[in-house]
C-alpha atoms as a PDB file:
ATOM      1  CA  MET A   1     118.460 196.698  96.823  1.00  0.00           C
ATOM      2  CA  ARG A   2     116.923 194.955  99.815  1.00  0.00           C
ATOM      3  CA  PRO A   3     113.095 195.292  99.874  1.00  0.00           C
ATOM      4  CA  ALA A   4     113.053 196.630 103.460  1.00  0.00           C
ATOM      5  CA  LEU A   5     115.561 199.378 102.618  1.00  0.00           C
ATOM      6  CA  GLU A   6     113.687 200.235  99.428  1.00  0.00           C
ATOM      7  CA  GLY A   7     110.460 200.666 101.427  1.00  0.00           C
ATOM      8  CA  GLN A   8     112.227 202.966 103.888  1.00  0.00           C
ATOM      9  CA  LEU A   9     113.653 205.113 101.078  1.00  0.00           C
ATOM     10  CA  ARG A  10     110.261 205.404  99.406  1.00  0.00           C
ATOM     11  CA  LYS A  11     108.661 206.495 102.662  1.00  0.00           C
ATOM     12  CA  ARG A  12     111.290 209.179 103.266  1.00  0.00           C
ATOM     13  CA  THR A  13     111.120 210.533  99.738  1.00  0.00           C
ATOM     14  CA  GLY A  14     107.349 210.701  99.476  1.00  0.00           C
ATOM     15  CA  GLY A  15     107.002 207.617  97.299  1.00  0.00           C
ATOM     16  CA  PHE A  16     109.726 208.450  94.801  1.00  0.00           C
ATOM     17  CA  SER A  17     112.200 205.686  94.097  1.00  0.00           C
ATOM     18  CA  LEU A  18     115.876 206.404  94.492  1.00  0.00           C
ATOM     19  CA  ALA A  19     118.627 204.528  92.729  1.00  0.00           C
ATOM     20  CA  VAL A  20     121.380 203.564  95.099  1.00  0.00           C
ATOM     21  CA  LYS A  21     124.795 203.000  93.580  1.00  0.00           C
ATOM     22  CA  THR A  22     127.846 201.815  95.399  1.00  0.00           C
ATOM     23  CA  ILE A  23     131.306 202.859  94.374  1.00  0.00           C
ATOM     24  CA  GLN A  24     133.352 199.813  93.547  1.00  0.00           C
ATOM     25  CA  PRO A  25     136.809 199.359  95.081  1.00  0.00           C
ATOM     26  CA  GLY A  26     139.502 200.713  92.765  1.00  0.00           C
ATOM     27  CA  ALA A  27     137.220 203.365  91.195  1.00  0.00           C
ATOM     28  CA  SER A  28     139.010 206.410  89.801  1.00  0.00           C
ATOM     29  CA  MET A  29     138.978 209.749  91.604  1.00  0.00           C
ATOM     30  CA  HIS A  30     137.010 211.160  88.668  1.00  0.00           C
ATOM     31  CA  THR A  31     134.240 208.586  89.190  1.00  0.00           C
ATOM     32  CA  ILE A  32     134.211 209.174  92.943  1.00  0.00           C
ATOM     33  CA  GLY A  33     134.100 212.935  92.365  1.00  0.00           C
ATOM     34  CA  LYS A  34     131.149 212.600  89.985  1.00  0.00           C
ATOM     35  CA  TRP A  35     129.176 210.587  92.523  1.00  0.00           C
ATOM     36  CA  LEU A  36     130.012 212.990  95.320  1.00  0.00           C
ATOM     37  CA  VAL A  37     128.819 215.962  93.248  1.00  0.00           C
ATOM     38  CA  MET A  38     125.588 214.148  92.352  1.00  0.00           C
ATOM     39  CA  ALA A  39     125.005 213.195  95.988  1.00  0.00           C
ATOM     40  CA  LEU A  40     125.632 216.778  97.106  1.00  0.00           C
ATOM     41  CA  LEU A  41     123.221 218.099  94.491  1.00  0.00           C
ATOM     42  CA  ALA A  42     120.571 215.634  95.630  1.00  0.00           C
ATOM     43  CA  VAL A  43     121.026 216.694  99.236  1.00  0.00           C
ATOM     44  CA  VAL A  44     120.864 220.431  98.423  1.00  0.00           C
ATOM     45  CA  VAL A  45     118.549 220.705  95.398  1.00  0.00           C
ATOM     46  CA  VAL A  46     115.764 218.363  96.504  1.00  0.00           C
ATOM     47  CA  PRO A  47     115.124 220.157  99.830  1.00  0.00           C
ATOM     48  CA  VAL A  48     115.243 223.573  98.118  1.00  0.00           C
ATOM     49  CA  GLY A  49     112.703 222.350  95.562  1.00  0.00           C
ATOM     50  CA  MET A  50     110.501 221.065  98.349  1.00  0.00           C
ATOM     51  CA  LEU A  51     110.689 224.409 100.137  1.00  0.00           C
ATOM     52  CA  SER A  52     109.707 226.349  97.046  1.00  0.00           C
ATOM     53  CA  ALA A  53     106.828 223.959  96.472  1.00  0.00           C
ATOM     54  CA  GLN A  54     105.579 224.758  99.978  1.00  0.00           C
ATOM     55  CA  GLN A  55     105.478 228.526  99.423  1.00  0.00           C
ATOM     56  CA  PRO A  56     101.938 229.925  99.414  1.00  0.00           C
ATOM     57  CA  GLU A  57     100.654 230.365  95.901  1.00  0.00           C
ATOM     58  CA  GLU A  58      99.865 233.784  94.532  1.00  0.00           C
ATOM     59  CA  ASN A  59      96.241 234.672  93.961  1.00  0.00           C
ATOM     60  CA  PRO A  60      95.362 233.250  90.513  1.00  0.00           C
ATOM     61  CA  TYR A  61      93.613 236.485  89.493  1.00  0.00           C
ATOM     62  CA  ILE A  62      96.830 238.415  90.103  1.00  0.00           C
ATOM     63  CA  THR A  63      98.902 235.837  88.227  1.00  0.00           C
ATOM     64  CA  TYR A  64      96.547 235.981  85.254  1.00  0.00           C
ATOM     65  CA  ARG A  65      96.486 239.785  85.175  1.00  0.00           C
ATOM     66  CA  ARG A  66     100.271 239.968  85.319  1.00  0.00           C
ATOM     67  CA  ASN A  67     100.501 237.575  82.386  1.00  0.00           C
ATOM     68  CA  VAL A  68      98.036 239.645  80.340  1.00  0.00           C
ATOM     69  CA  MET A  69      99.944 242.844  81.117  1.00  0.00           C
ATOM     70  CA  ARG A  70     103.281 241.167  80.352  1.00  0.00           C
ATOM     71  CA  SER A  71     101.896 240.117  76.997  1.00  0.00           C
ATOM     72  CA  VAL A  72     101.136 243.743  76.141  1.00  0.00           C
ATOM     73  CA  ALA A  73     104.575 244.830  77.344  1.00  0.00           C
ATOM     74  CA  SER A  74     106.533 242.073  75.611  1.00  0.00           C
ATOM     75  CA  ASN A  75     104.820 242.641  72.284  1.00  0.00           C
ATOM     76  CA  MET A  76     105.330 246.399  72.533  1.00  0.00           C
ATOM     77  CA  GLY A  77     108.961 245.622  73.360  1.00  0.00           C
ATOM     78  CA  GLY A  78     109.206 243.382  70.296  1.00  0.00           C
ATOM     79  CA  ILE A  79     107.908 246.187  68.083  1.00  0.00           C
ATOM     80  CA  GLY A  80     110.341 248.647  69.655  1.00  0.00           C
ATOM     81  CA  ASP A  81     113.286 246.266  69.257  1.00  0.00           C
ATOM     82  CA  ILE A  82     112.532 245.648  65.585  1.00  0.00           C
ATOM     83  CA  LEU A  83     112.123 249.331  64.762  1.00  0.00           C
ATOM     84  CA  LYS A  84     114.878 250.761  66.956  1.00  0.00           C
ATOM     85  CA  ASN A  85     117.509 248.219  65.962  1.00  0.00           C
ATOM     86  CA  GLN A  86     116.351 247.754  62.372  1.00  0.00           C
ATOM     87  CA  LEU A  87     116.075 244.019  62.931  1.00  0.00           C
ATOM     88  CA  PRO A  88     115.132 241.855  59.947  1.00  0.00           C
ATOM     89  CA  PHE A  89     111.759 240.911  61.463  1.00  0.00           C
ATOM     90  CA  GLN A  90     109.578 243.502  59.759  1.00  0.00           C
ATOM     91  CA  ALA A  91     107.124 240.749  58.825  1.00  0.00           C
ATOM     92  CA  ASN A  92     106.441 240.222  62.563  1.00  0.00           C
ATOM     93  CA  LEU A  93     105.398 243.809  63.285  1.00  0.00           C
ATOM     94  CA  ALA A  94     101.749 243.293  62.343  1.00  0.00           C
ATOM     95  CA  GLU A  95     101.513 240.150  64.491  1.00  0.00           C
ATOM     96  CA  HIS A  96     103.044 241.945  67.485  1.00  0.00           C
ATOM     97  CA  ALA A  97     100.532 244.771  67.028  1.00  0.00           C
ATOM     98  CA  LYS A  98      97.653 242.280  66.809  1.00  0.00           C
ATOM     99  CA  ASN A  99      98.891 240.595  70.012  1.00  0.00           C
ATOM    100  CA  VAL A 100      98.933 243.971  71.789  1.00  0.00           C
ATOM    101  CA  GLU A 101      95.356 244.531  70.608  1.00  0.00           C
ATOM    102  CA  ARG A 102      94.218 241.065  71.744  1.00  0.00           C
ATOM    103  CA  SER A 103      95.824 241.370  75.176  1.00  0.00           C
ATOM    104  CA  ALA A 104      94.596 244.931  75.698  1.00  0.00           C
ATOM    105  CA  ALA A 105      91.048 243.718  75.065  1.00  0.00           C
ATOM    106  CA  MET A 106      91.416 241.314  78.031  1.00  0.00           C
ATOM    107  CA  ILE A 107      92.526 243.870  80.608  1.00  0.00           C
ATOM    108  CA  ALA A 108      89.195 245.273  81.852  1.00  0.00           C
ATOM    109  CA  LYS A 109      87.689 241.817  82.374  1.00  0.00           C
ATOM    110  CA  ALA A 110      90.860 240.587  84.105  1.00  0.00           C
ATOM    111  CA  PHE A 111      90.490 243.314  86.752  1.00  0.00           C
ATOM    112  CA  GLU A 112      86.770 242.902  87.520  1.00  0.00           C
ATOM    113  CA  GLN A 113      87.546 240.667  90.505  1.00  0.00           C
ATOM    114  CA  LYS A 114      89.289 242.620  93.262  1.00  0.00           C
ATOM    115  CA  ALA A 115      92.633 241.088  94.210  1.00  0.00           C
ATOM    116  CA  THR A 116      95.728 242.918  95.435  1.00  0.00           C
ATOM    117  CA  ASP A 117      99.172 242.018  96.675  1.00  0.00           C
ATOM    118  CA  GLU A 118     100.545 244.496  99.197  1.00  0.00           C
ATOM    119  CA  LYS A 119     104.083 243.078  99.137  1.00  0.00           C
ATOM    120  CA  LYS A 120     104.688 243.190  95.403  1.00  0.00           C
ATOM    121  CA  GLY A 121     103.034 246.461  94.457  1.00  0.00           C
ATOM    122  CA  GLY A 122     100.763 246.304  91.461  1.00  0.00           C
ATOM    123  CA  ALA A 123      97.136 247.298  91.371  1.00  0.00           C
ATOM    124  CA  LYS A 124      95.890 250.265  93.371  1.00  0.00           C
ATOM    125  CA  GLU A 125      92.582 250.118  95.247  1.00  0.00           C
ATOM    126  CA  ASP A 126      91.423 252.936  92.940  1.00  0.00           C
ATOM    127  CA  ILE A 127      90.751 250.350  90.216  1.00  0.00           C
ATOM    128  CA  TRP A 128      87.784 249.013  92.161  1.00  0.00           C
ATOM    129  CA  LYS A 129      86.789 252.335  93.713  1.00  0.00           C
ATOM    130  CA  ASP A 130      86.282 253.758  90.217  1.00  0.00           C
ATOM    131  CA  TYR A 131      86.113 250.700  87.995  1.00  0.00           C
ATOM    132  CA  SER A 132      84.268 252.553  85.223  1.00  0.00           C
ATOM    133  CA  LYS A 133      87.202 254.989  84.867  1.00  0.00           C
ATOM    134  CA  PHE A 134      89.663 252.074  84.854  1.00  0.00           C
ATOM    135  CA  LYS A 135      87.574 250.270  82.245  1.00  0.00           C
ATOM    136  CA  MET A 136      87.542 253.395  80.054  1.00  0.00           C
ATOM    137  CA  GLY A 137      91.336 253.490  80.246  1.00  0.00           C
ATOM    138  CA  ALA A 138      91.573 249.839  79.226  1.00  0.00           C
ATOM    139  CA  GLU A 139      89.108 250.423  76.389  1.00  0.00           C
ATOM    140  CA  ASN A 140      91.169 253.426  75.233  1.00  0.00           C
ATOM    141  CA  LEU A 141      94.283 251.221  75.127  1.00  0.00           C
ATOM    142  CA  THR A 142      92.353 248.649  73.094  1.00  0.00           C
ATOM    143  CA  LYS A 143      91.180 251.366  70.672  1.00  0.00           C
ATOM    144  CA  GLU A 144      94.736 252.698  70.224  1.00  0.00           C
ATOM    145  CA  ALA A 145      96.075 249.143  69.801  1.00  0.00           C
ATOM    146  CA  GLN A 146      93.457 248.482  67.094  1.00  0.00           C
ATOM    147  CA  ALA A 147      94.619 251.628  65.327  1.00  0.00           C
ATOM    148  CA  LEU A 148      98.224 250.396  65.633  1.00  0.00           C
ATOM    149  CA  THR A 149      97.249 247.140  63.944  1.00  0.00           C
ATOM    150  CA  GLY A 150      95.705 249.190  61.149  1.00  0.00           C
ATOM    151  CA  VAL A 151      98.728 251.414  60.550  1.00  0.00           C
ATOM    152  CA  MET A 152     101.056 248.396  60.621  1.00  0.00           C
ATOM    153  CA  ALA A 153      99.205 247.064  57.603  1.00  0.00           C
ATOM    154  CA  GLY A 154      99.872 250.348  55.770  1.00  0.00           C
ATOM    155  CA  GLY A 155     103.618 250.209  56.410  1.00  0.00           C
ATOM    156  CA  ASP A 156     104.023 254.003  56.801  1.00  0.00           C
ATOM    157  CA  SER A 157     106.834 254.333  59.352  1.00  0.00           C
ATOM    158  CA  LYS A 158     105.804 257.855  60.393  1.00  0.00           C
ATOM    159  CA  ALA A 159     102.221 256.724  61.049  1.00  0.00           C
ATOM    160  CA  ILE A 160     103.480 253.652  62.907  1.00  0.00           C
ATOM    161  CA  MET A 161     105.704 255.744  65.187  1.00  0.00           C
ATOM    162  CA  GLY A 162     102.877 258.207  65.850  1.00  0.00           C
ATOM    163  CA  GLN A 163     100.474 255.418  66.748  1.00  0.00           C
ATOM    164  CA  LEU A 164     103.068 253.684  68.940  1.00  0.00           C
ATOM    165  CA  GLN A 165     103.308 256.913  70.930  1.00  0.00           C
ATOM    166  CA  LYS A 166      99.515 256.932  71.366  1.00  0.00           C
ATOM    167  CA  VAL A 167      99.535 253.337  72.600  1.00  0.00           C
ATOM    168  CA  GLY A 168     102.375 254.165  74.989  1.00  0.00           C
ATOM    169  CA  LYS A 169     100.465 257.192  76.297  1.00  0.00           C
ATOM    170  CA  ALA A 170      97.354 255.068  76.886  1.00  0.00           C
ATOM    171  CA  CYS A 171      99.488 252.620  78.906  1.00  0.00           C
ATOM    172  CA  LYS A 172     101.164 255.417  80.859  1.00  0.00           C
ATOM    173  CA  ASP A 173      97.920 257.257  81.666  1.00  0.00           C
ATOM    174  CA  CYS A 174      96.356 254.120  83.110  1.00  0.00           C
ATOM    175  CA  HIS A 175      99.501 253.121  85.010  1.00  0.00           C
ATOM    176  CA  GLU A 176      99.824 256.551  86.599  1.00  0.00           C
ATOM    177  CA  ALA A 177      96.235 256.421  87.810  1.00  0.00           C
ATOM    178  CA  PHE A 178      95.912 252.757  88.753  1.00  0.00           C
ATOM    179  CA  ARG A 179      99.289 251.104  89.321  1.00  0.00           C
ATOM    180  CA  LYS A 180     101.460 251.430  92.394  1.00  0.00           C
ATOM    181  CA  PRO A 181     105.084 252.414  91.735  1.00  0.00           C
ATOM    182  CA  MET A 182     107.116 249.343  90.894  1.00  0.00           C
ATOM    183  CA  ASN A 183     110.132 248.804  93.113  1.00  0.00           C
END
């Protein structure tokens, strides 16, 4: 490639180098088609990626809290899937329960800093208006999750189901009081 053209391409692409390939005379339609598809993808995908990179970032406190809450939910979901569908992952139940306990213990601290997102729902202002009540709810979830970890070790399915209901109730009570309806 000519140095002047290479410099122009680098400027236009923000410093990234582009490989330029010419289609040789006599090339098959398949080869031409492949290059056309790749060129089209480059023209469409690169600008879309640049647009998404320019979107304003979400508040990092909100991102962190969502990840903590998703961890609780995904591990509870894992427990439910194993038990409901009798999946052969019984050995993972205790680890899922421990993960619920660990994540639940992070919730109160994750919400100390006020941060809300009006467009995406989520946390109600009531969390910070009555943080001590919110913190008690998070501590109750942690306590119930610790008990779940304990009953998992015992292996009594009736006790496990009973404790799962208590963990679910702790989640629900807090969500009803402190989470906006999810759309």
